[in-house]
Amino acid sequence: MSRCPKLEAILEAKYRFENAAPGDQARLRSELETLLNEVLAERTGTGMTSRRLEDSLRDVYREFTRAKRREERAKLSRIR
């Protein structure tokens, strides 16, 4: 699925955060928040918070994770 680079970066950052070891989660959450806030800074006057933006991407993120898992399974099956 083709997306804009900023959206792709947010989705990747969220995926890395959710799949990170506990010791890495704080740093990765900070990186995700930075990306969300960069997008919000470009869209002033929307009244949206980073949390609301993240929530609004829930369905897109769900599809992104499905695609990532399919990709990972395909890689594993090629190795076997």
C-alpha atoms as a PDB file:
ATOM      1  CA  MET A   1       0.000   0.000   0.000  1.00  0.00           C
ATOM      2  CA  SER A   2       1.455   3.333  -1.022  1.00  0.00           C
ATOM      3  CA  ARG A   3       1.410   6.045   1.618  1.00  0.00           C
ATOM      4  CA  CYS A   4       2.964   9.407   2.191  1.00  0.00           C
ATOM      5  CA  PRO A   5       6.449   9.218   3.748  1.00  0.00           C
ATOM      6  CA  LYS A   6       5.434  10.928   7.008  1.00  0.00           C
ATOM      7  CA  LEU A   7       2.528   8.565   7.548  1.00  0.00           C
ATOM      8  CA  GLU A   8       4.768   5.608   6.773  1.00  0.00           C
ATOM      9  CA  ALA A   9       7.327   6.887   9.318  1.00  0.00           C
ATOM     10  CA  ILE A  10       4.627   7.210  11.999  1.00  0.00           C
ATOM     11  CA  LEU A  11       3.327   3.709  11.337  1.00  0.00           C
ATOM     12  CA  GLU A  12       6.847   2.241  11.423  1.00  0.00           C
ATOM     13  CA  ALA A  13       7.644   4.094  14.660  1.00  0.00           C
ATOM     14  CA  LYS A  14       4.450   2.836  16.311  1.00  0.00           C
ATOM     15  CA  TYR A  15       5.187  -0.720  15.167  1.00  0.00           C
ATOM     16  CA  ARG A  16       8.744  -0.548  16.536  1.00  0.00           C
ATOM     17  CA  PHE A  17       7.430   0.853  19.838  1.00  0.00           C
ATOM     18  CA  GLU A  18       4.759  -1.818  20.246  1.00  0.00           C
ATOM     19  CA  ASN A  19       7.190  -4.625  19.447  1.00  0.00           C
ATOM     20  CA  ALA A  20      10.165  -3.303  21.425  1.00  0.00           C
ATOM     21  CA  ALA A  21      11.877  -4.743  24.436  1.00  0.00           C
ATOM     22  CA  PRO A  22      10.784  -2.988  27.645  1.00  0.00           C
ATOM     23  CA  GLY A  23      14.116  -1.180  27.938  1.00  0.00           C
ATOM     24  CA  ASP A  24      13.670   0.461  24.537  1.00  0.00           C
ATOM     25  CA  GLN A  25      10.033   1.501  24.861  1.00  0.00           C
ATOM     26  CA  ALA A  26      10.563   4.940  26.424  1.00  0.00           C
ATOM     27  CA  ARG A  27      12.969   6.018  23.685  1.00  0.00           C
ATOM     28  CA  LEU A  28      10.763   4.628  20.910  1.00  0.00           C
ATOM     29  CA  ARG A  29       7.632   6.236  22.377  1.00  0.00           C
ATOM     30  CA  SER A  30       9.483   9.557  22.375  1.00  0.00           C
ATOM     31  CA  GLU A  31      10.419   9.078  18.711  1.00  0.00           C
ATOM     32  CA  LEU A  32       6.777   8.339  17.864  1.00  0.00           C
ATOM     33  CA  GLU A  33       5.582  11.423  19.760  1.00  0.00           C
ATOM     34  CA  THR A  34       8.137  13.552  17.908  1.00  0.00           C
ATOM     35  CA  LEU A  35       6.845  12.363  14.530  1.00  0.00           C
ATOM     36  CA  LEU A  36       3.226  12.945  15.542  1.00  0.00           C
ATOM     37  CA  ASN A  37       4.025  16.445  16.802  1.00  0.00           C
ATOM     38  CA  GLU A  38       5.902  17.293  13.587  1.00  0.00           C
ATOM     39  CA  VAL A  39       2.794  16.477  11.557  1.00  0.00           C
ATOM     40  CA  LEU A  40       0.607  18.480  13.934  1.00  0.00           C
ATOM     41  CA  ALA A  41       2.962  21.469  13.713  1.00  0.00           C
ATOM     42  CA  GLU A  42       2.447  21.527   9.952  1.00  0.00           C
ATOM     43  CA  ARG A  43      -1.310  21.525  10.417  1.00  0.00           C
ATOM     44  CA  THR A  44      -1.846  24.357  12.872  1.00  0.00           C
ATOM     45  CA  GLY A  45      -5.354  25.305  13.851  1.00  0.00           C
ATOM     46  CA  THR A  46      -6.770  21.781  13.735  1.00  0.00           C
ATOM     47  CA  GLY A  47      -7.102  21.496  17.506  1.00  0.00           C
ATOM     48  CA  MET A  48      -5.857  17.923  17.274  1.00  0.00           C
ATOM     49  CA  THR A  49      -3.540  16.413  19.850  1.00  0.00           C
ATOM     50  CA  SER A  50      -0.918  13.755  19.218  1.00  0.00           C
ATOM     51  CA  ARG A  51      -3.123  11.230  21.040  1.00  0.00           C
ATOM     52  CA  ARG A  52      -6.138  12.043  18.853  1.00  0.00           C
ATOM     53  CA  LEU A  53      -3.992  11.855  15.719  1.00  0.00           C
ATOM     54  CA  GLU A  54      -2.670   8.471  16.795  1.00  0.00           C
ATOM     55  CA  ASP A  55      -6.217   7.282  17.542  1.00  0.00           C
ATOM     56  CA  SER A  56      -7.414   8.473  14.139  1.00  0.00           C
ATOM     57  CA  LEU A  57      -4.791   6.260  12.495  1.00  0.00           C
ATOM     58  CA  ARG A  58      -6.011   3.120  14.275  1.00  0.00           C
ATOM     59  CA  ASP A  59      -7.558   1.451  11.203  1.00  0.00           C
ATOM     60  CA  VAL A  60      -4.632   2.389   8.969  1.00  0.00           C
ATOM     61  CA  TYR A  61      -2.237   1.029  11.587  1.00  0.00           C
ATOM     62  CA  ARG A  62      -4.194  -2.207  11.886  1.00  0.00           C
ATOM     63  CA  GLU A  63      -3.846  -2.778   8.130  1.00  0.00           C
ATOM     64  CA  PHE A  64      -0.160  -1.830   8.327  1.00  0.00           C
ATOM     65  CA  THR A  65       0.485  -4.434  11.042  1.00  0.00           C
ATOM     66  CA  ARG A  66      -1.344  -7.099   9.056  1.00  0.00           C
ATOM     67  CA  ALA A  67       0.848  -6.369   6.053  1.00  0.00           C
ATOM     68  CA  LYS A  68       4.005  -6.424   8.218  1.00  0.00           C
ATOM     69  CA  ARG A  69       3.078  -9.796   9.692  1.00  0.00           C
ATOM     70  CA  ARG A  70       2.304 -11.255   6.253  1.00  0.00           C
ATOM     71  CA  GLU A  71       5.679  -9.984   5.075  1.00  0.00           C
ATOM     72  CA  GLU A  72       7.445 -11.514   8.086  1.00  0.00           C
ATOM     73  CA  ARG A  73       5.695 -14.880   7.589  1.00  0.00           C
ATOM     74  CA  ALA A  74       6.648 -14.871   3.912  1.00  0.00           C
ATOM     75  CA  LYS A  75      10.296 -14.262   4.832  1.00  0.00           C
ATOM     76  CA  LEU A  76      10.241 -17.098   7.351  1.00  0.00           C
ATOM     77  CA  SER A  77       8.698 -19.521   4.883  1.00  0.00           C
ATOM     78  CA  ARG A  78      11.412 -18.700   2.319  1.00  0.00           C
ATOM     79  CA  ILE A  79      14.092 -19.486   4.906  1.00  0.00           C
ATOM     80  CA  ARG A  80      12.670 -22.943   5.614  1.00  0.00           C
END
